[in-house]
Protein backbone atom coordinates (compact mmCIF):
# COMPACT_ATOMS: atom_id res chain seq x y z
CA MET A 1 80.28 41.69 99.82
CA ASP A 2 84.01 41.61 100.66
CA GLU A 3 84.26 38.50 102.88
CA PHE A 4 84.37 35.32 101.35
CA ALA A 5 86.02 32.70 103.14
CA GLY A 6 83.33 29.94 104.46
CA LYS A 7 80.50 31.46 102.70
CA VAL A 8 78.20 30.29 100.19
CA ALA A 9 77.63 30.39 96.65
CA VAL A 10 75.10 28.67 93.99
CA ILE A 11 75.85 28.65 90.69
CA THR A 12 73.59 27.39 87.95
CA GLY A 13 75.52 26.13 84.62
CA GLY A 14 78.54 25.86 86.64
CA ALA A 15 79.71 22.93 84.88
CA SER A 16 81.39 24.78 82.17
CA GLY A 17 82.20 28.51 80.33
CA ILE A 18 81.21 31.15 82.42
CA GLY A 19 80.02 29.04 85.67
CA LEU A 20 82.93 27.19 85.94
CA ALA A 21 85.03 29.86 85.86
CA MET A 22 83.45 31.55 88.56
CA ALA A 23 83.18 28.74 90.60
CA ARG A 24 87.09 28.16 90.17
CA ARG A 25 87.15 31.87 90.91
CA PHE A 26 84.39 32.24 94.05
CA GLY A 27 86.36 29.11 94.74
CA ALA A 28 89.70 30.17 95.18
CA ALA A 29 88.17 32.86 97.88
CA GLY A 30 87.28 30.63 99.95
CA MET A 31 83.77 29.94 99.32
CA LYS A 32 81.40 27.19 99.75
CA LEU A 33 79.90 26.13 96.13
CA VAL A 34 76.74 24.49 95.61
CA ILE A 35 76.64 23.69 91.52
CA ALA A 36 73.82 23.02 89.51
CA ASP A 37 73.92 21.87 85.60
CA LEU A 38 71.89 20.02 83.54
CA GLN A 39 74.81 17.52 82.52
CA GLN A 40 75.98 15.28 84.81
CA ASP A 41 79.21 13.68 83.72
CA ALA A 42 80.67 17.55 83.28
CA LEU A 43 78.72 18.19 86.43
CA ASP A 44 80.80 15.14 88.00
CA ASP A 45 83.74 16.20 86.69
CA VAL A 46 83.50 19.69 88.22
CA ILE A 47 83.12 18.22 91.18
CA ALA A 48 85.96 15.82 91.20
CA GLU A 49 88.46 19.04 90.12
CA LEU A 50 86.88 21.40 92.98
CA GLY A 51 87.85 18.73 95.53
CA ALA A 52 90.99 18.06 94.22
CA ALA A 53 91.54 21.79 94.89
CA ARG A 54 90.54 21.36 98.20
CA ILE A 55 87.26 23.69 97.26
CA GLU A 56 84.12 22.18 99.18
CA ALA A 57 81.78 21.49 96.65
CA VAL A 58 78.37 19.86 95.78
CA GLY A 59 77.00 19.03 92.68
CA ILE A 60 73.01 19.10 91.54
CA ARG A 61 71.58 17.94 88.64
CA ALA A 62 69.18 20.55 87.82
CA ASP A 63 66.85 21.91 84.92
CA VAL A 64 66.52 25.93 85.74
CA ALA A 65 63.57 26.16 83.65
CA ASP A 66 61.85 24.20 85.73
CA ARG A 67 61.08 26.00 89.28
CA ALA A 68 60.49 22.90 91.33
CA GLN A 69 64.13 21.94 90.45
CA VAL A 70 65.52 25.15 91.39
CA GLN A 71 64.13 25.05 94.88
CA ALA A 72 65.38 21.53 95.20
CA VAL A 73 68.67 23.06 94.23
CA ALA A 74 68.53 25.34 97.09
CA ASP A 75 67.11 22.48 99.85
CA GLN A 76 69.74 20.72 99.36
CA ALA A 77 72.32 23.84 99.52
CA MET A 78 70.57 24.69 102.61
CA ASP A 79 70.92 20.72 103.80
CA ALA A 80 74.57 21.10 103.19
CA PHE A 81 75.65 24.29 104.35
CA GLY A 82 72.92 26.06 106.17
CA ALA A 83 73.27 29.10 104.38
CA ILE A 84 73.18 31.08 100.79
CA HIS A 85 75.30 34.14 100.37
CA LEU A 86 76.04 34.43 96.67
CA ALA A 87 73.47 33.44 93.79
CA VAL A 88 74.90 33.55 90.12
CA ASN A 89 72.02 32.41 87.75
CA ASN A 90 74.31 31.43 84.39
CA ALA A 91 72.40 28.51 82.80
CA GLY A 92 71.86 29.74 79.39
CA VAL A 93 71.06 27.76 76.10
CA ALA A 94 70.80 29.65 72.46
CA SER A 95 69.45 28.97 69.04
CA GLY A 96 68.76 30.67 65.91
CA GLY A 97 66.17 31.89 63.11
CA LEU A 98 64.36 34.23 61.46
CA SER A 99 61.24 35.47 64.46
CA TRP A 100 58.37 34.63 62.52
CA GLU A 101 59.56 30.97 61.79
CA LEU A 102 60.56 30.09 64.77
CA SER A 103 58.54 27.65 66.70
CA GLU A 104 56.72 27.67 70.07
CA ALA A 105 58.92 25.02 71.08
CA ASP A 106 61.82 27.14 69.94
CA TRP A 107 61.06 30.21 71.77
CA SER A 108 59.72 28.17 75.09
CA TRP A 109 63.20 26.00 75.42
CA VAL A 110 65.06 29.54 75.24
CA LEU A 111 62.84 31.46 77.21
CA GLY A 112 62.24 28.94 79.73
CA VAL A 113 66.23 28.48 80.60
CA ASP A 114 67.58 32.17 79.91
CA LEU A 115 64.61 34.17 81.62
CA TRP A 116 62.38 31.84 83.23
CA GLY A 117 65.74 30.42 84.66
CA VAL A 118 67.01 33.52 86.23
CA ILE A 119 63.42 34.27 87.25
CA HIS A 120 63.30 31.02 89.35
CA GLY A 121 66.61 31.81 90.79
CA VAL A 122 65.88 35.31 91.74
CA GLY A 123 62.61 34.21 93.56
CA VAL A 124 64.01 31.06 95.09
CA PHE A 125 67.44 32.45 96.30
CA THR A 126 66.65 36.01 96.99
CA PRO A 127 64.67 35.21 100.27
CA LEU A 128 67.50 33.03 101.29
CA ILE A 129 70.17 35.28 101.04
CA ILE A 130 68.38 37.43 102.96
CA GLU A 131 67.46 35.40 105.54
CA SER A 132 71.40 34.21 105.57
CA GLY A 133 72.50 38.15 106.84
CA GLY A 134 72.62 39.12 102.93
CA GLY A 135 74.87 39.17 100.14
CA HIS A 136 74.93 39.09 96.61
CA VAL A 137 72.92 38.07 93.61
CA VAL A 138 74.58 37.91 89.98
CA ASN A 139 72.76 37.37 87.09
CA ILE A 140 74.17 36.77 83.71
CA ALA A 141 72.65 38.94 80.52
CA SER A 142 74.24 39.66 77.30
CA MET A 143 75.15 42.10 75.25
CA ALA A 144 72.30 40.95 73.71
CA GLY A 145 70.51 42.71 76.34
CA LEU A 146 71.28 46.34 75.41
CA THR A 147 71.04 45.34 72.16
CA SER A 148 68.98 43.54 69.26
CA PRO A 149 71.23 41.61 66.64
CA PRO A 150 69.14 39.34 64.21
CA TYR A 151 68.42 35.84 64.23
CA MET A 152 68.50 35.54 67.62
CA ALA A 153 65.09 36.88 68.96
CA PRO A 154 64.72 34.69 71.74
CA TYR A 155 67.74 35.11 73.05
CA ASN A 156 67.72 38.65 72.71
CA VAL A 157 64.26 39.06 74.33
CA ALA A 158 64.95 37.07 77.15
CA LYS A 159 68.84 38.84 78.05
CA HIS A 160 66.88 42.02 77.66
CA GLY A 161 64.43 40.35 80.26
CA VAL A 162 67.11 39.61 82.51
CA VAL A 163 68.64 43.36 82.17
CA ALA A 164 65.16 44.63 83.23
CA LEU A 165 64.64 42.04 86.15
CA SER A 166 68.18 42.59 87.59
CA GLU A 167 67.35 46.84 87.39
CA SER A 168 64.17 46.34 89.01
CA MET A 169 65.61 44.05 91.44
CA TYR A 170 68.23 46.19 92.61
CA LEU A 171 65.98 49.26 92.93
CA GLU A 172 63.84 47.21 95.32
CA LEU A 173 66.47 45.66 97.00
CA LYS A 174 68.04 48.98 97.67
CA MET A 175 65.00 50.03 99.71
CA ALA A 176 63.40 46.48 101.17
CA ALA A 177 66.62 44.41 102.18
CA PRO A 178 69.97 46.82 101.07
CA THR A 179 72.24 44.03 102.72
CA VAL A 180 71.78 41.86 99.66
CA GLY A 181 73.29 43.29 96.14
CA VAL A 182 73.01 43.21 92.18
CA THR A 183 75.18 42.64 89.33
CA VAL A 184 74.09 41.65 85.59
CA VAL A 185 76.78 40.52 83.49
CA CYS A 186 76.29 41.38 79.65
CA PRO A 187 79.34 39.89 78.04
CA GLY A 188 80.26 39.77 74.37
CA TRP A 189 81.81 36.91 73.03
CA VAL A 190 83.29 34.61 75.56
CA ARG A 191 84.66 31.32 74.81
CA THR A 192 81.97 28.93 75.86
CA GLN A 193 80.01 25.71 74.59
CA ILE A 194 76.93 28.10 74.16
CA HIS A 195 76.63 27.56 70.37
CA LYS A 196 76.19 23.61 71.16
CA SER A 197 73.41 23.82 73.42
CA ILE A 198 70.90 22.75 70.99
CA ARG A 199 72.31 19.30 71.72
CA HIS A 200 71.03 18.97 74.91
CA ARG A 201 67.88 20.61 74.21
CA PRO A 202 65.18 18.12 75.43
CA SER A 203 63.82 15.93 72.76
CA ALA A 204 60.23 16.41 73.36
CA ASP A 205 60.48 20.00 72.53
CA THR A 206 62.27 19.39 69.35
CA PRO A 207 59.98 20.06 66.52
CA VAL A 208 58.76 17.41 64.47
CA SER A 209 60.28 19.01 61.29
CA ASP A 210 63.59 18.74 63.09
CA ALA A 211 66.26 15.39 62.80
CA GLY A 212 68.71 16.00 65.35
CA VAL A 213 70.93 18.89 64.55
CA GLY A 214 69.05 20.66 61.58
CA ASP A 215 70.39 22.86 59.06
CA ALA A 216 69.11 26.10 60.56
CA ASP A 217 70.75 24.87 64.01
CA ALA A 218 73.83 23.73 62.30
CA GLY A 219 74.13 26.84 60.73
CA PHE A 220 73.76 28.63 63.90
CA GLU A 221 76.42 26.80 65.22
CA ALA A 222 79.33 26.84 62.67
CA ILE A 223 78.63 30.79 62.80
CA VAL A 224 78.64 31.28 66.18
CA GLY A 225 81.44 29.52 66.94
CA SER A 226 83.45 30.89 64.81
CA LEU A 227 82.92 34.62 66.47
CA ILE A 228 83.13 32.92 70.02
CA ALA A 229 86.59 31.24 68.74
CA ASP A 230 88.54 34.53 69.18
CA GLY A 231 86.51 35.51 72.67
CA LEU A 232 86.99 36.38 76.11
CA ASP A 233 88.29 33.91 77.92
CA PRO A 234 85.70 32.65 80.64
CA ALA A 235 88.25 33.11 83.37
CA ASP A 236 88.45 37.12 82.54
CA VAL A 237 84.97 37.57 82.73
CA ALA A 238 84.69 35.55 86.37
CA GLU A 239 87.65 37.93 87.52
CA GLN A 240 85.42 41.13 86.36
CA VAL A 241 82.25 39.68 87.85
CA PHE A 242 84.24 38.31 91.36
CA ASP A 243 85.54 42.35 91.25
CA ALA A 244 81.65 43.60 91.16
CA VAL A 245 80.86 41.76 93.67
CA VAL A 246 83.62 43.11 95.91
CA ASN A 247 82.79 46.45 95.02
CA ASP A 248 79.05 46.40 94.90
CA ARG A 249 79.06 47.53 90.98
CA PHE A 250 75.39 46.85 89.31
CA TYR A 251 77.06 46.52 85.08
CA VAL A 252 79.22 44.61 83.90
CA LEU A 253 79.88 45.20 80.42
CA THR A 254 82.62 42.83 79.69
CA HIS A 255 84.09 44.17 76.25
CA PRO A 256 84.60 47.91 77.03
CA GLU A 257 85.33 48.21 72.55
CA TRP A 258 81.56 47.34 72.33
CA SER A 259 80.08 49.95 73.82
CA GLY A 260 79.65 52.15 71.05
CA MET A 261 76.99 50.09 69.89
CA VAL A 262 75.26 50.59 73.01
CA ARG A 263 75.51 53.82 72.66
CA ARG A 264 74.55 54.43 68.83
CA ASN A 265 71.44 52.31 69.73
CA THR A 266 70.22 54.74 72.58
CA ASP A 267 71.02 57.77 70.80
CA ARG A 268 69.12 56.17 67.39
CA MET A 269 66.28 55.79 69.92
CA LEU A 270 66.55 59.19 71.61
CA ALA A 271 66.64 60.76 67.77
CA GLY A 272 63.53 59.28 66.63
CA GLU A 273 65.67 57.06 64.53
CA ASN A 274 65.41 53.33 63.46
CA PRO A 275 67.43 50.64 64.28
CA GLU A 276 70.41 49.79 62.23
CA MET A 277 72.20 46.61 61.42
CA GLY A 278 74.53 45.77 64.19
CA ILE A 279 76.94 43.12 64.03
CA PRO A 280 77.59 41.38 67.78
CA GLY A 281 81.26 42.15 68.02
CA ILE A 282 81.83 45.18 65.48
CA PRO A 283 81.93 48.46 66.96
């Protein structure tokens, strides 16, 4: 996909972080934007910002864990612009804890947004991109989709799923609809607010034992917050994604210095060795 002016992009989780950076980048290339996000106040601010920059944009409040709401985003995009050429399935949340101590609600929340949100986006947006004459799908995974750091099991499971889904659909589209490209993005630490996403978790899903942000969640926020403080600027990630879409590149690993972790994990697996303790961000 190398022509952007006048074409239409849908970006989930587009009111902050990587999603917002991509909205700015693709908007600057001349695309019309449909921004979906759960936070209405942030969404309003982004639409105002884009409007001031003379970027045509529509904001829609939506929870990507609910397919009906993702479908509503697509319906409004088609009503507003008549086509979808680029879908960025970006919305994400995170929480931490020991795998066997996490509640079903913990798993459901993270998998609902991080995995099912992408599944919904793929299922809803891809046919419309095909009908619109082709374009590109961008799925945001993580280095946690290529490695499995401790205390992040639901996030790891979700992001591994996003990588697997993206690889499958890439091959399927090459056979069934070659006018649609796919990119999967596996960032390392990026300066976003994902470590604070627990604060926006639906109260109905919060375990009874938790009162607001519990000790485990507060600890997760503090640890991850300190790591992402020195992370990559979201604008740098957006630029890499833009380049991948232009050049039809599938994998985007935003932190080359982290590739050693992936290589070591693969080598150990092929050698029949046990997993090693890897710390995200340490080559």
